[in-house]
Structures are given as C-alpha cells and as structure tokens.
Amino acid sequence: MGPEVPGPGSGADRVHQPTGFEGGRLLVVAFEGWNDAGEAATGAARLLAERLGLVEIAAVDPELYFDYQFTRPTIESAPDGTRRLSWPGAAILGPSGEPRPDDDEVVTGPGADRLHVLLGAEPARTWKGFAAELIDAALTADIEGIVLLGAMLADAPHTRPLSVFASSENPEVRAALGVDRSSYEGPVGILSVIADQAERVGIPTVSLWASVPHYVHNAPSPKAVLALLGKVEELTGLSIPRGSLEDEAKAWESSVDALAADDEEMAGYITQLEQARDAVDAPEASGEAIAQEFERYLRRRGDQPGGGPWRPRDGG
C-alpha cells in the first residue's frame, strides 16, 4: 500500500454516487485503544470478520507507525505448541472468495458478500501517513462507504439499553440515513483522522459510538457490542447472527448487579443514572435533548474514553 493520499480528482466520481450504506461495498472500521471502551468496537468488528470468514488483503508495516514500548508485541502459543510473536498493526480484511457456509451463523443481507473490515491498534505516530495508506487500500478495494465503530465511557446505567450515537460530516449521508452532525470539539482518535481523509477522497462515512458505563471500565462489555451490531444492522440492512453474545451480555449485567449489591454508594449512583436515562427516553424528550446528552458524555469523558476509575460525579 502506498503512503500517498489520492488527489482530489481520484475521488471526484464518487462524490455524487449514492451513499451505499445499504447494499454498497462497505468497510467497517474499529481500533483498539482510545476509541474502544469496553472493547466494544473491536468486539463488534471481530464478530463480523469471523462470521464472514474474511481474510487479510492489505496491512500496514508496523515499524512505521507503532511505538513498541507503548503498544507492546505479545507472545502466543500456536496449536502445534510453538510460540510466536504477534506484533501490533492494522489490516483490511476482505472476502476470501470461498463459498460461505449455509448456516444460521452467517451474516446475510444486502452487500454481505462484499463487506470488508479494518481492524488494528491505534498508531503511536505518523497518523496522516497511516490513514493515507489505509484509505489508499480502501480505494483499491472499491469501498463505497465506511462505517466507523467507537465506544466511549459515559454516564450510562448498565441496566438500560446502551445507546449508540450515529453521526456524519457528509450531508448526503445525514439526509439518507437520518443521522446528525456531531458538534463535539476536543481531542480525537484515529477514527476521526480516517473519516476526514476518506471524505476528502469521496468515500462517505458514518460514525457509530456506543456508550459504555464508566463504573465498569475494566471489563469487556458484550452489551455494548450488541448495541453497535444492532445499529450497524439498522443502517445497512444486514442481518448479523449474535451467537452466544446475548447470553454473555446477560451474564455481564448480572455480574455488575452483584458488584453494586455490595457497594451502597455505587448502587445509589446507578439509581441516579437510571433516573436520568429514563428522563431522556421519555416520550416527551426531543431528539435535540438526546443529542445534548451525548455531547455532555463526550465533554465529560476526559482525554481517555477507555480509561479512568469509576466514581460518582457531581453536577449535571
């Protein structure tokens, strides 16, 4: 993959094409790290890749983009008993060309046989070159639309459905999908850089951010994975088998219930969050009020959506 971003002319023919989020050739993107509270975004993307039997079609050179003291390689045991190093990186996965099995665990719906997934760790340096290389690979694969998955720690009660905020900088996408334009200002992750460069070359994007309860920040959140998959289905028309994920989400919720039962302060705080969420979900609550609630989540999350201990928070 080359490091250059295709010039304005290379995307000119794409700008006036349909957004392609239902039946188009889509790329679903998720990164570990800052953008991935509760491992929800990467969990959803990995489930898609596994259900579709995708294979690697392009990858970055990790030496160019990663600081191994920050994102360390890991050592793993292979099925044959050998041990090998696994290096942080990022890769685009695409259809293998092999016939897909005809069973209940296969993703179906418009564009399922053309779906691609980009999975990786957030790079430590050279973000512009990193994004350029991946967008160049997306253009080579004739990607027509990009769905960016993220997850943030928020004032969300684990006992309620976890919300997913959808937004896009592309006016055609907003009109076609009925999503909003985010008014957030502040620190961003690699997802925002990729979205910016994709739009510049004419690939429309939509961002989906799941809210993960910040008081259980250390544990993976299968309930947030479910929320993201549901939103992907809503926007694309795909049907995504959940497998054991729903049972895992119920077990996760029960484990948090048990934790709160032994902590009076935590239980009281969760009750406050439930009351606030129920007010937002009331029939009289406007779309603007819900959007404002999301923007407040963003501003209060701090510099690290995936970090920070649980604590009661004063004020509104």
Protein backbone atom coordinates (compact mmCIF):
# COMPACT_ATOMS: atom_id res chain seq x y z
CA MET A 1 0.00 0.00 0.00
CA GLY A 2 1.35 3.38 -0.92
CA PRO A 3 1.60 6.21 1.60
CA GLU A 4 0.13 8.90 -0.66
CA VAL A 5 -3.44 10.11 -0.36
CA PRO A 6 -5.16 10.03 -3.75
CA GLY A 7 -5.64 13.56 -5.04
CA PRO A 8 -8.98 15.35 -5.29
CA GLY A 9 -9.56 14.07 -8.81
CA SER A 10 -9.38 10.43 -7.79
CA GLY A 11 -12.50 10.74 -5.66
CA ALA A 12 -14.43 13.18 -7.83
CA ASP A 13 -16.53 10.48 -9.49
CA ARG A 14 -17.51 9.09 -6.07
CA VAL A 15 -18.91 12.27 -4.57
CA HIS A 16 -22.18 12.10 -6.50
CA GLN A 17 -22.71 8.37 -6.06
CA PRO A 18 -25.33 7.06 -3.62
CA THR A 19 -24.02 6.74 -0.09
CA GLY A 20 -24.05 2.95 -0.45
CA PHE A 21 -24.78 2.10 3.18
CA GLU A 22 -27.45 -0.42 2.19
CA GLY A 23 -26.13 -2.89 -0.33
CA GLY A 24 -22.91 -0.99 -1.02
CA ARG A 25 -19.35 -2.21 -0.73
CA LEU A 26 -18.74 -1.26 2.90
CA LEU A 27 -15.71 -1.11 5.15
CA VAL A 28 -16.34 -1.45 8.90
CA VAL A 29 -13.51 0.10 10.94
CA ALA A 30 -12.51 -0.42 14.59
CA PHE A 31 -9.32 0.23 16.55
CA GLU A 32 -8.07 -0.89 19.93
CA GLY A 33 -7.17 1.77 22.45
CA TRP A 34 -8.58 5.27 22.87
CA ASN A 35 -11.60 4.58 20.66
CA ASP A 36 -12.55 1.23 22.19
CA ALA A 37 -14.03 1.43 25.69
CA GLY A 38 -15.09 -1.98 26.94
CA GLU A 39 -13.51 -3.49 23.78
CA ALA A 40 -16.92 -2.93 22.24
CA ALA A 41 -15.88 -1.57 18.84
CA THR A 42 -13.24 -4.21 18.15
CA GLY A 43 -15.55 -6.88 19.57
CA ALA A 44 -18.25 -5.99 17.04
CA ALA A 45 -15.78 -5.80 14.14
CA ARG A 46 -14.15 -9.13 15.04
CA LEU A 47 -17.52 -10.84 15.23
CA LEU A 48 -18.32 -9.57 11.73
CA ALA A 49 -14.96 -10.71 10.36
CA GLU A 50 -15.33 -14.17 11.91
CA ARG A 51 -18.94 -14.64 10.77
CA LEU A 52 -17.96 -13.64 7.23
CA GLY A 53 -14.74 -15.69 7.11
CA LEU A 54 -12.74 -12.64 5.96
CA VAL A 55 -9.04 -12.85 5.15
CA GLU A 56 -6.29 -10.23 5.19
CA ILE A 57 -5.98 -8.36 1.89
CA ALA A 58 -3.79 -5.40 2.96
CA ALA A 59 -1.77 -4.46 6.05
CA VAL A 60 0.47 -1.64 7.24
CA ASP A 61 4.12 -2.05 8.18
CA PRO A 62 4.02 -1.77 11.99
CA GLU A 63 7.60 -0.46 12.12
CA LEU A 64 6.39 2.81 10.57
CA TYR A 65 3.55 3.61 12.93
CA PHE A 66 3.86 1.89 16.31
CA ASP A 67 5.91 2.52 19.44
CA TYR A 68 6.50 -0.94 20.89
CA GLN A 69 7.08 0.45 24.38
CA PHE A 70 3.55 1.88 24.23
CA THR A 71 1.83 -0.95 22.32
CA ARG A 72 3.96 -3.99 23.03
CA PRO A 73 4.09 -7.16 20.93
CA THR A 74 2.71 -10.24 22.61
CA ILE A 75 3.85 -13.85 22.59
CA GLU A 76 1.31 -16.54 21.81
CA SER A 77 1.20 -20.33 21.63
CA ALA A 78 0.20 -21.85 18.30
CA PRO A 79 -1.97 -25.02 18.07
CA ASP A 80 1.16 -27.07 17.32
CA GLY A 81 2.75 -25.94 20.60
CA THR A 82 5.21 -23.46 19.09
CA ARG A 83 5.37 -19.94 20.46
CA ARG A 84 5.42 -16.89 18.24
CA LEU A 85 5.40 -13.11 18.49
CA SER A 86 2.32 -11.14 17.49
CA TRP A 87 3.02 -7.51 16.55
CA PRO A 88 0.59 -4.61 16.81
CA GLY A 89 -0.64 -3.39 13.45
CA ALA A 90 -3.67 -2.76 11.28
CA ALA A 91 -5.10 -4.73 8.37
CA ILE A 92 -8.03 -4.66 6.00
CA LEU A 93 -9.88 -7.98 5.82
CA GLY A 94 -11.95 -8.89 2.80
CA PRO A 95 -13.93 -11.77 1.27
CA SER A 96 -11.88 -14.90 0.73
CA GLY A 97 -13.61 -15.87 -2.49
CA GLU A 98 -14.53 -19.23 -0.98
CA PRO A 99 -18.20 -20.26 -0.80
CA ARG A 100 -19.73 -19.29 2.51
CA PRO A 101 -21.40 -21.98 4.63
CA ASP A 102 -25.19 -22.04 4.56
CA ASP A 103 -25.96 -21.92 8.27
CA ASP A 104 -27.53 -19.71 10.91
CA GLU A 105 -24.21 -18.09 11.88
CA VAL A 106 -23.56 -16.35 8.56
CA VAL A 107 -24.09 -12.61 8.04
CA THR A 108 -26.77 -12.06 5.40
CA GLY A 109 -28.44 -9.11 3.72
CA PRO A 110 -27.59 -6.54 1.06
CA GLY A 111 -23.85 -6.29 0.50
CA ALA A 112 -22.90 -9.03 2.97
CA ASP A 113 -20.73 -10.78 0.37
CA ARG A 114 -18.81 -7.53 -0.25
CA LEU A 115 -18.29 -6.41 3.34
CA HIS A 116 -14.74 -5.54 4.44
CA VAL A 117 -13.40 -4.96 7.96
CA LEU A 118 -10.44 -2.86 9.10
CA LEU A 119 -9.05 -3.91 12.48
CA GLY A 120 -5.98 -2.67 14.28
CA ALA A 121 -4.34 -0.89 17.17
CA GLU A 122 -4.33 2.89 17.24
CA PRO A 123 -0.91 4.02 15.95
CA ALA A 124 1.56 5.98 18.06
CA ARG A 125 2.90 8.23 15.28
CA THR A 126 2.59 9.39 11.66
CA TRP A 127 -1.20 9.39 11.75
CA LYS A 128 -1.58 11.20 8.42
CA GLY A 129 0.55 8.65 6.60
CA PHE A 130 -1.17 5.78 8.41
CA ALA A 131 -4.64 6.99 7.40
CA ALA A 132 -3.47 7.75 3.86
CA GLU A 133 -2.14 4.23 3.43
CA LEU A 134 -5.37 2.64 4.63
CA ILE A 135 -7.60 4.93 2.57
CA ASP A 136 -5.48 4.13 -0.49
CA ALA A 137 -6.14 0.42 0.17
CA ALA A 138 -9.86 1.15 0.57
CA LEU A 139 -9.90 2.88 -2.81
CA THR A 140 -8.10 -0.09 -4.35
CA ALA A 141 -10.81 -2.36 -2.91
CA ASP A 142 -13.53 -0.09 -4.41
CA ILE A 143 -15.01 0.68 -1.00
CA GLU A 144 -18.20 2.76 -1.37
CA GLY A 145 -18.85 3.65 2.26
CA ILE A 146 -17.12 3.43 5.63
CA VAL A 147 -18.75 2.66 8.99
CA LEU A 148 -16.50 3.71 11.87
CA LEU A 149 -17.12 1.96 15.20
CA GLY A 150 -16.17 3.54 18.52
CA ALA A 151 -17.05 3.17 22.17
CA MET A 152 -16.67 5.68 24.99
CA LEU A 153 -17.01 5.64 28.76
CA ALA A 154 -20.16 7.52 29.68
CA ASP A 155 -22.69 8.17 32.44
CA ALA A 156 -24.76 5.23 31.20
CA PRO A 157 -26.54 2.79 33.53
CA HIS A 158 -25.73 -0.84 32.77
CA THR A 159 -29.36 -1.81 33.47
CA ARG A 160 -30.72 0.08 30.46
CA PRO A 161 -30.14 -0.44 26.73
CA LEU A 162 -26.78 1.11 25.88
CA SER A 163 -27.20 3.97 23.45
CA VAL A 164 -25.32 4.37 20.16
CA PHE A 165 -24.86 7.83 18.69
CA ALA A 166 -24.63 7.98 14.90
CA SER A 167 -23.14 10.99 13.13
CA SER A 168 -21.63 12.00 9.82
CA GLU A 169 -19.83 15.01 8.35
CA ASN A 170 -21.30 14.12 4.96
CA PRO A 171 -24.59 15.96 4.21
CA GLU A 172 -25.75 13.27 1.76
CA VAL A 173 -25.22 10.59 4.40
CA ARG A 174 -27.08 12.62 7.02
CA ALA A 175 -30.04 13.05 4.67
CA ALA A 176 -30.05 9.40 3.54
CA LEU A 177 -29.64 7.82 6.98
CA GLY A 178 -31.31 10.43 9.18
CA VAL A 179 -28.25 10.87 11.39
CA ASP A 180 -26.85 14.01 12.98
CA ARG A 181 -23.69 16.04 12.60
CA SER A 182 -21.62 16.00 15.79
CA SER A 183 -20.84 19.34 17.38
CA TYR A 184 -18.10 17.87 19.59
CA GLU A 185 -14.86 19.83 19.86
CA GLY A 186 -11.82 18.39 21.60
CA PRO A 187 -9.26 15.58 21.41
CA VAL A 188 -9.92 12.91 18.79
CA GLY A 189 -8.65 9.44 17.95
CA ILE A 190 -7.53 7.80 14.74
CA LEU A 191 -11.15 7.23 13.68
CA SER A 192 -11.62 10.96 13.13
CA VAL A 193 -8.44 11.16 11.04
CA ILE A 194 -9.55 8.25 8.84
CA ALA A 195 -13.03 9.74 8.46
CA ASP A 196 -11.55 13.09 7.41
CA GLN A 197 -9.27 11.57 4.78
CA ALA A 198 -12.00 9.25 3.47
CA GLU A 199 -14.38 12.13 2.94
CA ARG A 200 -11.65 14.10 1.17
CA VAL A 201 -11.35 11.39 -1.49
CA GLY A 202 -15.08 10.92 -1.86
CA ILE A 203 -15.78 7.88 0.35
CA PRO A 204 -18.80 8.73 2.56
CA THR A 205 -18.53 7.84 6.24
CA VAL A 206 -20.78 7.38 9.24
CA SER A 207 -19.54 7.09 12.84
CA LEU A 208 -21.23 4.94 15.48
CA TRP A 209 -20.27 5.45 19.14
CA ALA A 210 -21.58 3.18 21.89
CA SER A 211 -21.86 4.42 25.47
CA VAL A 212 -20.18 2.10 27.98
CA PRO A 213 -20.84 2.51 31.73
CA HIS A 214 -17.70 4.14 33.11
CA TYR A 215 -18.02 2.46 36.51
CA VAL A 216 -17.19 -0.94 34.95
CA HIS A 217 -14.41 0.37 32.70
CA ASN A 218 -12.05 -2.57 33.27
CA ALA A 219 -14.32 -5.28 31.88
CA PRO A 220 -15.20 -6.03 28.24
CA SER A 221 -18.80 -5.03 27.55
CA PRO A 222 -20.73 -7.54 25.42
CA LYS A 223 -23.85 -5.42 25.89
CA ALA A 224 -22.14 -2.53 24.09
CA VAL A 225 -21.06 -4.93 21.31
CA LEU A 226 -24.73 -5.88 20.88
CA ALA A 227 -25.73 -2.22 20.72
CA LEU A 228 -23.20 -1.49 17.97
CA LEU A 229 -24.20 -4.53 15.93
CA GLY A 230 -27.84 -3.52 16.20
CA LYS A 231 -27.05 -0.04 14.89
CA VAL A 232 -24.99 -1.47 12.02
CA GLU A 233 -27.98 -3.63 11.07
CA GLU A 234 -30.30 -0.64 11.23
CA LEU A 235 -28.17 1.47 8.89
CA THR A 236 -27.09 -1.22 6.43
CA GLY A 237 -29.93 -3.75 6.25
CA LEU A 238 -27.58 -6.57 7.19
CA SER A 239 -28.62 -9.43 9.47
CA ILE A 240 -25.84 -10.32 11.92
CA PRO A 241 -26.09 -13.53 13.98
CA ARG A 242 -25.32 -12.91 17.64
CA GLY A 243 -24.27 -16.42 18.65
CA SER A 244 -23.67 -16.53 22.42
CA LEU A 245 -23.33 -12.76 22.68
CA GLU A 246 -26.77 -12.16 24.16
CA ASP A 247 -26.13 -14.71 26.92
CA GLU A 248 -22.75 -13.07 27.58
CA ALA A 249 -24.45 -9.68 27.85
CA LYS A 250 -26.94 -11.00 30.39
CA ALA A 251 -24.12 -12.56 32.42
CA TRP A 252 -22.18 -9.27 32.28
CA GLU A 253 -25.21 -7.33 33.54
CA SER A 254 -25.76 -9.83 36.36
CA SER A 255 -22.12 -9.55 37.41
CA VAL A 256 -22.39 -5.77 37.64
CA ASP A 257 -25.63 -6.14 39.62
CA ALA A 258 -23.78 -8.34 42.10
CA LEU A 259 -20.95 -5.81 42.35
CA ALA A 260 -23.39 -2.98 43.03
CA ALA A 261 -25.25 -5.03 45.64
CA ASP A 262 -22.09 -4.99 47.78
CA ASP A 263 -21.45 -1.25 47.33
CA GLU A 264 -24.16 1.08 48.64
CA GLU A 265 -22.59 4.18 47.15
CA MET A 266 -22.29 2.57 43.72
CA ALA A 267 -25.90 1.31 43.87
CA GLY A 268 -27.14 4.80 44.70
CA TYR A 269 -25.15 6.28 41.86
CA ILE A 270 -26.57 3.74 39.39
CA THR A 271 -30.09 4.67 40.53
CA GLN A 272 -29.33 8.32 39.70
CA LEU A 273 -28.11 7.31 36.26
CA GLU A 274 -31.23 5.24 35.68
CA GLN A 275 -33.46 8.18 36.55
CA ALA A 276 -31.52 10.47 34.21
CA ARG A 277 -31.66 7.93 31.38
CA ASP A 278 -35.39 7.33 31.85
CA ALA A 279 -35.98 11.08 31.58
CA VAL A 280 -34.09 11.20 28.29
CA ASP A 281 -36.00 8.16 26.98
CA ALA A 282 -39.40 9.59 27.94
CA PRO A 283 -41.77 10.20 25.00
CA GLU A 284 -41.63 13.94 25.56
CA ALA A 285 -37.83 14.05 25.25
CA SER A 286 -36.78 15.67 21.98
CA GLY A 287 -34.09 14.49 19.59
CA GLU A 288 -32.17 17.65 20.45
CA ALA A 289 -32.21 16.73 24.15
CA ILE A 290 -30.83 13.29 23.37
CA ALA A 291 -28.09 14.80 21.20
CA GLN A 292 -27.21 17.22 24.00
CA GLU A 293 -26.95 14.30 26.41
CA PHE A 294 -24.46 12.62 24.08
CA GLU A 295 -22.41 15.79 23.72
CA ARG A 296 -22.25 16.04 27.50
CA TYR A 297 -20.92 12.47 27.61
CA LEU A 298 -18.18 13.44 25.20
CA ARG A 299 -17.11 16.53 27.12
CA ARG A 300 -17.05 14.74 30.46
CA ARG A 301 -15.19 11.64 29.37
CA GLY A 302 -11.72 13.22 29.74
CA ASP A 303 -8.75 12.63 27.49
CA GLN A 304 -9.13 8.84 27.55
CA PRO A 305 -12.57 7.38 26.64
CA GLY A 306 -11.32 3.96 27.67
CA GLY A 307 -9.68 4.87 30.98
CA GLY A 308 -10.30 6.19 34.45
CA PRO A 309 -11.78 4.64 37.60
CA TRP A 310 -15.46 4.68 38.40
CA ARG A 311 -16.60 7.45 40.65
CA PRO A 312 -19.80 9.37 41.41
CA ARG A 313 -19.84 12.68 39.58
CA ASP A 314 -21.40 15.83 40.96
CA GLY A 315 -23.47 18.26 38.97
CA GLY A 316 -25.40 17.90 35.74
